[in-house]
């Protein structure tokens, strides 16, 4: 028996995140400069780089493992169904939308992690067999439960979690899954 790399984008994504976490935890390197996004001048070239790289940064081991567990569960299925290139595009677009929303709506909030990507993958994976002019009930249920929980959390809980990024990831997932 041999080991097969069944999902190169998914595995590559997890490896990059693990490398960034390792660098963050074991050195004095300032990962905030590269792997956190926040409102900054559009004249700063790093602003545009951070719109993507923040998805690779995680605050600690717990943050990393919770996101990567879902990505490793959902990513291979999505990558097999849509292909590696499309998954890369989905990840990139979802990341950029999350960064833009955070920059536009929150002046004092830094954002890091792949939670928006996780929620995009959750919604995409709930769309298993969409036929023309049909929306699966499972998609509606996952979307309503997910969005409802995130709206509730945004309104009534004080935490350091970006519910807006989760909701944006969910909408991106619905778009990508239904668009095909």
C-alpha atoms as a PDB file:
ATOM      1  CA  UNK A   1       0.000   0.000   0.000  1.00  0.00           C
ATOM      2  CA  UNK A   2       1.245   3.523  -0.770  1.00  0.00           C
ATOM      3  CA  UNK A   3       0.170   6.971   0.331  1.00  0.00           C
ATOM      4  CA  UNK A   4      -1.583   9.024  -2.336  1.00  0.00           C
ATOM      5  CA  UNK A   5      -1.757  12.818  -2.385  1.00  0.00           C
ATOM      6  CA  UNK A   6      -5.471  13.055  -3.094  1.00  0.00           C
ATOM      7  CA  UNK A   7      -5.967  16.787  -2.565  1.00  0.00           C
ATOM      8  CA  UNK A   8      -2.848  18.858  -3.298  1.00  0.00           C
ATOM      9  CA  UNK A   9      -4.457  22.268  -2.734  1.00  0.00           C
ATOM     10  CA  UNK A  10      -6.008  21.208   0.562  1.00  0.00           C
ATOM     11  CA  UNK A  11      -2.810  19.607   1.813  1.00  0.00           C
ATOM     12  CA  UNK A  12      -0.716  22.538   0.596  1.00  0.00           C
ATOM     13  CA  UNK A  13      -3.012  24.999   2.357  1.00  0.00           C
ATOM     14  CA  UNK A  14      -2.747  23.106   5.647  1.00  0.00           C
ATOM     15  CA  UNK A  15       1.045  22.845   5.322  1.00  0.00           C
ATOM     16  CA  UNK A  16       1.403  26.587   4.708  1.00  0.00           C
ATOM     17  CA  UNK A  17      -0.789  27.343   7.747  1.00  0.00           C
ATOM     18  CA  UNK A  18       1.228  24.923   9.879  1.00  0.00           C
ATOM     19  CA  UNK A  19       4.497  26.516   8.737  1.00  0.00           C
ATOM     20  CA  UNK A  20       3.224  30.019   9.556  1.00  0.00           C
ATOM     21  CA  UNK A  21       2.004  28.859  12.979  1.00  0.00           C
ATOM     22  CA  UNK A  22       5.354  27.183  13.667  1.00  0.00           C
ATOM     23  CA  UNK A  23       7.241  30.370  12.713  1.00  0.00           C
ATOM     24  CA  UNK A  24       4.892  32.454  14.868  1.00  0.00           C
ATOM     25  CA  UNK A  25       5.241  30.205  17.914  1.00  0.00           C
ATOM     26  CA  UNK A  26       8.962  29.451  17.728  1.00  0.00           C
ATOM     27  CA  UNK A  27      10.560  32.737  16.657  1.00  0.00           C
ATOM     28  CA  UNK A  28      10.345  36.452  17.292  1.00  0.00           C
ATOM     29  CA  UNK A  29       9.262  37.014  13.686  1.00  0.00           C
ATOM     30  CA  UNK A  30       6.404  39.511  13.547  1.00  0.00           C
ATOM     31  CA  UNK A  31       3.694  37.551  11.726  1.00  0.00           C
ATOM     32  CA  UNK A  32       1.314  40.504  12.132  1.00  0.00           C
ATOM     33  CA  UNK A  33       3.177  42.202   9.305  1.00  0.00           C
ATOM     34  CA  UNK A  34       2.262  39.453   6.858  1.00  0.00           C
ATOM     35  CA  UNK A  35      -0.482  37.153   8.156  1.00  0.00           C
ATOM     36  CA  UNK A  36      -3.074  39.511   9.660  1.00  0.00           C
ATOM     37  CA  UNK A  37      -5.276  41.916   7.727  1.00  0.00           C
ATOM     38  CA  UNK A  38      -6.706  45.162   8.987  1.00  0.00           C
ATOM     39  CA  UNK A  39      -7.733  48.556   7.657  1.00  0.00           C
ATOM     40  CA  UNK A  40      -4.644  50.196   6.212  1.00  0.00           C
ATOM     41  CA  UNK A  41      -3.755  52.675   3.506  1.00  0.00           C
ATOM     42  CA  UNK A  42      -4.442  51.489  -0.034  1.00  0.00           C
ATOM     43  CA  UNK A  43      -1.090  53.055  -0.932  1.00  0.00           C
ATOM     44  CA  UNK A  44       0.669  50.439   1.179  1.00  0.00           C
ATOM     45  CA  UNK A  45       1.459  47.427  -1.063  1.00  0.00           C
ATOM     46  CA  UNK A  46       1.342  45.132   2.001  1.00  0.00           C
ATOM     47  CA  UNK A  47      -2.373  45.847   2.313  1.00  0.00           C
ATOM     48  CA  UNK A  48      -3.044  43.844  -0.850  1.00  0.00           C
ATOM     49  CA  UNK A  49      -0.710  41.016   0.144  1.00  0.00           C
ATOM     50  CA  UNK A  50      -2.365  40.713   3.572  1.00  0.00           C
ATOM     51  CA  UNK A  51      -5.804  40.448   1.912  1.00  0.00           C
ATOM     52  CA  UNK A  52      -4.770  36.897   1.039  1.00  0.00           C
ATOM     53  CA  UNK A  53      -2.034  35.929   3.483  1.00  0.00           C
ATOM     54  CA  UNK A  54      -4.182  36.461   6.590  1.00  0.00           C
ATOM     55  CA  UNK A  55      -5.968  33.180   5.840  1.00  0.00           C
ATOM     56  CA  UNK A  56      -2.707  31.341   6.586  1.00  0.00           C
ATOM     57  CA  UNK A  57      -2.131  32.934  10.010  1.00  0.00           C
ATOM     58  CA  UNK A  58      -3.678  31.521  13.170  1.00  0.00           C
ATOM     59  CA  UNK A  59      -3.475  32.921  16.683  1.00  0.00           C
ATOM     60  CA  UNK A  60      -2.631  29.642  18.418  1.00  0.00           C
ATOM     61  CA  UNK A  61      -2.679  25.855  18.180  1.00  0.00           C
ATOM     62  CA  UNK A  62      -6.380  25.615  19.099  1.00  0.00           C
ATOM     63  CA  UNK A  63      -7.383  28.133  16.419  1.00  0.00           C
ATOM     64  CA  UNK A  64      -5.255  26.253  13.881  1.00  0.00           C
ATOM     65  CA  UNK A  65      -6.553  22.766  14.720  1.00  0.00           C
ATOM     66  CA  UNK A  66     -10.219  23.759  14.696  1.00  0.00           C
ATOM     67  CA  UNK A  67      -9.913  25.289  11.220  1.00  0.00           C
ATOM     68  CA  UNK A  68      -7.626  22.631   9.747  1.00  0.00           C
ATOM     69  CA  UNK A  69      -9.778  19.736  10.961  1.00  0.00           C
ATOM     70  CA  UNK A  70     -12.691  21.036   8.904  1.00  0.00           C
ATOM     71  CA  UNK A  71     -10.498  21.919   5.943  1.00  0.00           C
ATOM     72  CA  UNK A  72      -8.987  18.421   5.902  1.00  0.00           C
ATOM     73  CA  UNK A  73     -12.460  16.867   6.127  1.00  0.00           C
ATOM     74  CA  UNK A  74     -14.180  19.031   3.516  1.00  0.00           C
ATOM     75  CA  UNK A  75     -11.373  20.149   1.204  1.00  0.00           C
ATOM     76  CA  UNK A  76     -10.609  16.799  -0.475  1.00  0.00           C
ATOM     77  CA  UNK A  77     -14.281  16.240  -1.320  1.00  0.00           C
ATOM     78  CA  UNK A  78     -14.579  19.719  -2.839  1.00  0.00           C
ATOM     79  CA  UNK A  79     -11.251  19.424  -4.635  1.00  0.00           C
ATOM     80  CA  UNK A  80     -12.301  16.098  -6.169  1.00  0.00           C
ATOM     81  CA  UNK A  81     -15.664  17.489  -7.291  1.00  0.00           C
ATOM     82  CA  UNK A  82     -14.541  20.902  -8.583  1.00  0.00           C
ATOM     83  CA  UNK A  83     -10.826  20.431  -9.226  1.00  0.00           C
ATOM     84  CA  UNK A  84      -7.721  21.927  -7.655  1.00  0.00           C
ATOM     85  CA  UNK A  85      -7.730  25.109  -9.728  1.00  0.00           C
ATOM     86  CA  UNK A  86     -11.348  25.965  -8.867  1.00  0.00           C
ATOM     87  CA  UNK A  87     -10.742  25.272  -5.185  1.00  0.00           C
ATOM     88  CA  UNK A  88      -7.772  27.665  -5.270  1.00  0.00           C
ATOM     89  CA  UNK A  89      -9.984  30.316  -6.857  1.00  0.00           C
ATOM     90  CA  UNK A  90     -12.738  29.725  -4.269  1.00  0.00           C
ATOM     91  CA  UNK A  91     -10.245  30.084  -1.416  1.00  0.00           C
ATOM     92  CA  UNK A  92      -8.718  33.239  -2.910  1.00  0.00           C
ATOM     93  CA  UNK A  93     -12.014  34.985  -3.610  1.00  0.00           C
ATOM     94  CA  UNK A  94     -13.451  34.079  -0.207  1.00  0.00           C
ATOM     95  CA  UNK A  95     -10.302  35.352   1.508  1.00  0.00           C
ATOM     96  CA  UNK A  96     -10.308  38.645  -0.372  1.00  0.00           C
ATOM     97  CA  UNK A  97     -14.016  39.251   0.272  1.00  0.00           C
ATOM     98  CA  UNK A  98     -13.514  38.603   3.997  1.00  0.00           C
ATOM     99  CA  UNK A  99     -10.563  41.016   4.118  1.00  0.00           C
ATOM    100  CA  UNK A 100     -12.427  43.713   2.190  1.00  0.00           C
ATOM    101  CA  UNK A 101     -15.499  43.493   4.407  1.00  0.00           C
ATOM    102  CA  UNK A 102     -13.352  43.607   7.530  1.00  0.00           C
ATOM    103  CA  UNK A 103     -11.437  46.642   6.225  1.00  0.00           C
ATOM    104  CA  UNK A 104     -14.552  48.498   5.132  1.00  0.00           C
ATOM    105  CA  UNK A 105     -16.706  47.842   8.184  1.00  0.00           C
ATOM    106  CA  UNK A 106     -14.274  47.592  11.100  1.00  0.00           C
ATOM    107  CA  UNK A 107     -11.604  50.222  11.577  1.00  0.00           C
ATOM    108  CA  UNK A 108      -9.973  48.706  14.677  1.00  0.00           C
ATOM    109  CA  UNK A 109     -10.228  44.978  13.988  1.00  0.00           C
ATOM    110  CA  UNK A 110      -7.403  42.755  12.812  1.00  0.00           C
ATOM    111  CA  UNK A 111      -8.339  39.485  11.146  1.00  0.00           C
ATOM    112  CA  UNK A 112      -6.425  36.233  10.839  1.00  0.00           C
ATOM    113  CA  UNK A 113      -7.278  32.616  10.171  1.00  0.00           C
ATOM    114  CA  UNK A 114      -9.180  30.470   7.734  1.00  0.00           C
ATOM    115  CA  UNK A 115     -12.621  30.463   9.356  1.00  0.00           C
ATOM    116  CA  UNK A 116     -14.241  32.119   6.349  1.00  0.00           C
ATOM    117  CA  UNK A 117     -12.693  29.418   4.144  1.00  0.00           C
ATOM    118  CA  UNK A 118     -14.049  26.738   6.488  1.00  0.00           C
ATOM    119  CA  UNK A 119     -17.570  28.121   6.252  1.00  0.00           C
ATOM    120  CA  UNK A 120     -17.315  28.458   2.477  1.00  0.00           C
ATOM    121  CA  UNK A 121     -16.335  24.767   2.353  1.00  0.00           C
ATOM    122  CA  UNK A 122     -19.195  23.799   4.685  1.00  0.00           C
ATOM    123  CA  UNK A 123     -21.766  25.341   2.367  1.00  0.00           C
ATOM    124  CA  UNK A 124     -20.144  24.112  -0.860  1.00  0.00           C
ATOM    125  CA  UNK A 125     -19.963  20.572   0.519  1.00  0.00           C
ATOM    126  CA  UNK A 126     -23.660  20.612   1.447  1.00  0.00           C
ATOM    127  CA  UNK A 127     -24.478  20.971  -2.243  1.00  0.00           C
ATOM    128  CA  UNK A 128     -23.937  17.420  -3.404  1.00  0.00           C
ATOM    129  CA  UNK A 129     -26.077  17.058  -6.487  1.00  0.00           C
ATOM    130  CA  UNK A 130     -27.668  20.248  -7.716  1.00  0.00           C
ATOM    131  CA  UNK A 131     -29.848  19.781 -10.738  1.00  0.00           C
ATOM    132  CA  UNK A 132     -31.071  22.598 -12.905  1.00  0.00           C
ATOM    133  CA  UNK A 133     -33.557  24.812 -11.044  1.00  0.00           C
ATOM    134  CA  UNK A 134     -33.325  22.727  -7.847  1.00  0.00           C
ATOM    135  CA  UNK A 135     -31.834  23.704  -4.500  1.00  0.00           C
ATOM    136  CA  UNK A 136     -31.166  20.870  -2.044  1.00  0.00           C
ATOM    137  CA  UNK A 137     -33.061  21.089   1.241  1.00  0.00           C
ATOM    138  CA  UNK A 138     -29.817  20.224   3.062  1.00  0.00           C
ATOM    139  CA  UNK A 139     -28.254  23.404   1.668  1.00  0.00           C
ATOM    140  CA  UNK A 140     -31.167  25.521   2.895  1.00  0.00           C
ATOM    141  CA  UNK A 141     -31.058  23.933   6.349  1.00  0.00           C
ATOM    142  CA  UNK A 142     -27.275  24.261   6.729  1.00  0.00           C
ATOM    143  CA  UNK A 143     -27.399  27.847   5.481  1.00  0.00           C
ATOM    144  CA  UNK A 144     -30.294  28.901   7.758  1.00  0.00           C
ATOM    145  CA  UNK A 145     -28.788  27.242  10.844  1.00  0.00           C
ATOM    146  CA  UNK A 146     -25.322  28.577  10.083  1.00  0.00           C
ATOM    147  CA  UNK A 147     -26.334  32.145   9.248  1.00  0.00           C
ATOM    148  CA  UNK A 148     -28.786  32.243  12.153  1.00  0.00           C
ATOM    149  CA  UNK A 149     -26.102  31.164  14.622  1.00  0.00           C
ATOM    150  CA  UNK A 150     -23.606  33.702  13.277  1.00  0.00           C
ATOM    151  CA  UNK A 151     -26.120  36.563  13.366  1.00  0.00           C
ATOM    152  CA  UNK A 152     -27.074  35.625  16.932  1.00  0.00           C
ATOM    153  CA  UNK A 153     -23.393  35.481  17.928  1.00  0.00           C
ATOM    154  CA  UNK A 154     -22.667  38.833  16.290  1.00  0.00           C
ATOM    155  CA  UNK A 155     -25.542  40.517  18.111  1.00  0.00           C
ATOM    156  CA  UNK A 156     -25.402  38.926  21.562  1.00  0.00           C
ATOM    157  CA  UNK A 157     -21.903  37.566  22.240  1.00  0.00           C
ATOM    158  CA  UNK A 158     -18.707  39.439  22.986  1.00  0.00           C
ATOM    159  CA  UNK A 159     -15.806  37.466  21.552  1.00  0.00           C
ATOM    160  CA  UNK A 160     -12.867  37.865  19.207  1.00  0.00           C
ATOM    161  CA  UNK A 161     -14.500  35.909  16.383  1.00  0.00           C
ATOM    162  CA  UNK A 162     -15.387  37.550  13.078  1.00  0.00           C
ATOM    163  CA  UNK A 163     -18.944  36.388  12.448  1.00  0.00           C
ATOM    164  CA  UNK A 164     -19.064  38.650   9.395  1.00  0.00           C
ATOM    165  CA  UNK A 165     -16.215  36.683   7.819  1.00  0.00           C
ATOM    166  CA  UNK A 166     -18.042  33.429   8.568  1.00  0.00           C
ATOM    167  CA  UNK A 167     -21.238  34.745   6.983  1.00  0.00           C
ATOM    168  CA  UNK A 168     -19.296  36.033   3.954  1.00  0.00           C
ATOM    169  CA  UNK A 169     -17.664  32.612   3.625  1.00  0.00           C
ATOM    170  CA  UNK A 170     -21.098  30.994   3.737  1.00  0.00           C
ATOM    171  CA  UNK A 171     -22.436  33.269   1.011  1.00  0.00           C
ATOM    172  CA  UNK A 172     -19.342  32.608  -1.106  1.00  0.00           C
ATOM    173  CA  UNK A 173     -19.879  28.870  -0.637  1.00  0.00           C
ATOM    174  CA  UNK A 174     -23.518  29.124  -1.709  1.00  0.00           C
ATOM    175  CA  UNK A 175     -22.508  31.120  -4.777  1.00  0.00           C
ATOM    176  CA  UNK A 176     -19.716  28.735  -5.770  1.00  0.00           C
ATOM    177  CA  UNK A 177     -21.810  25.629  -5.145  1.00  0.00           C
ATOM    178  CA  UNK A 178     -24.865  26.816  -7.031  1.00  0.00           C
ATOM    179  CA  UNK A 179     -22.937  28.512  -9.841  1.00  0.00           C
ATOM    180  CA  UNK A 180     -21.037  25.488 -11.127  1.00  0.00           C
END
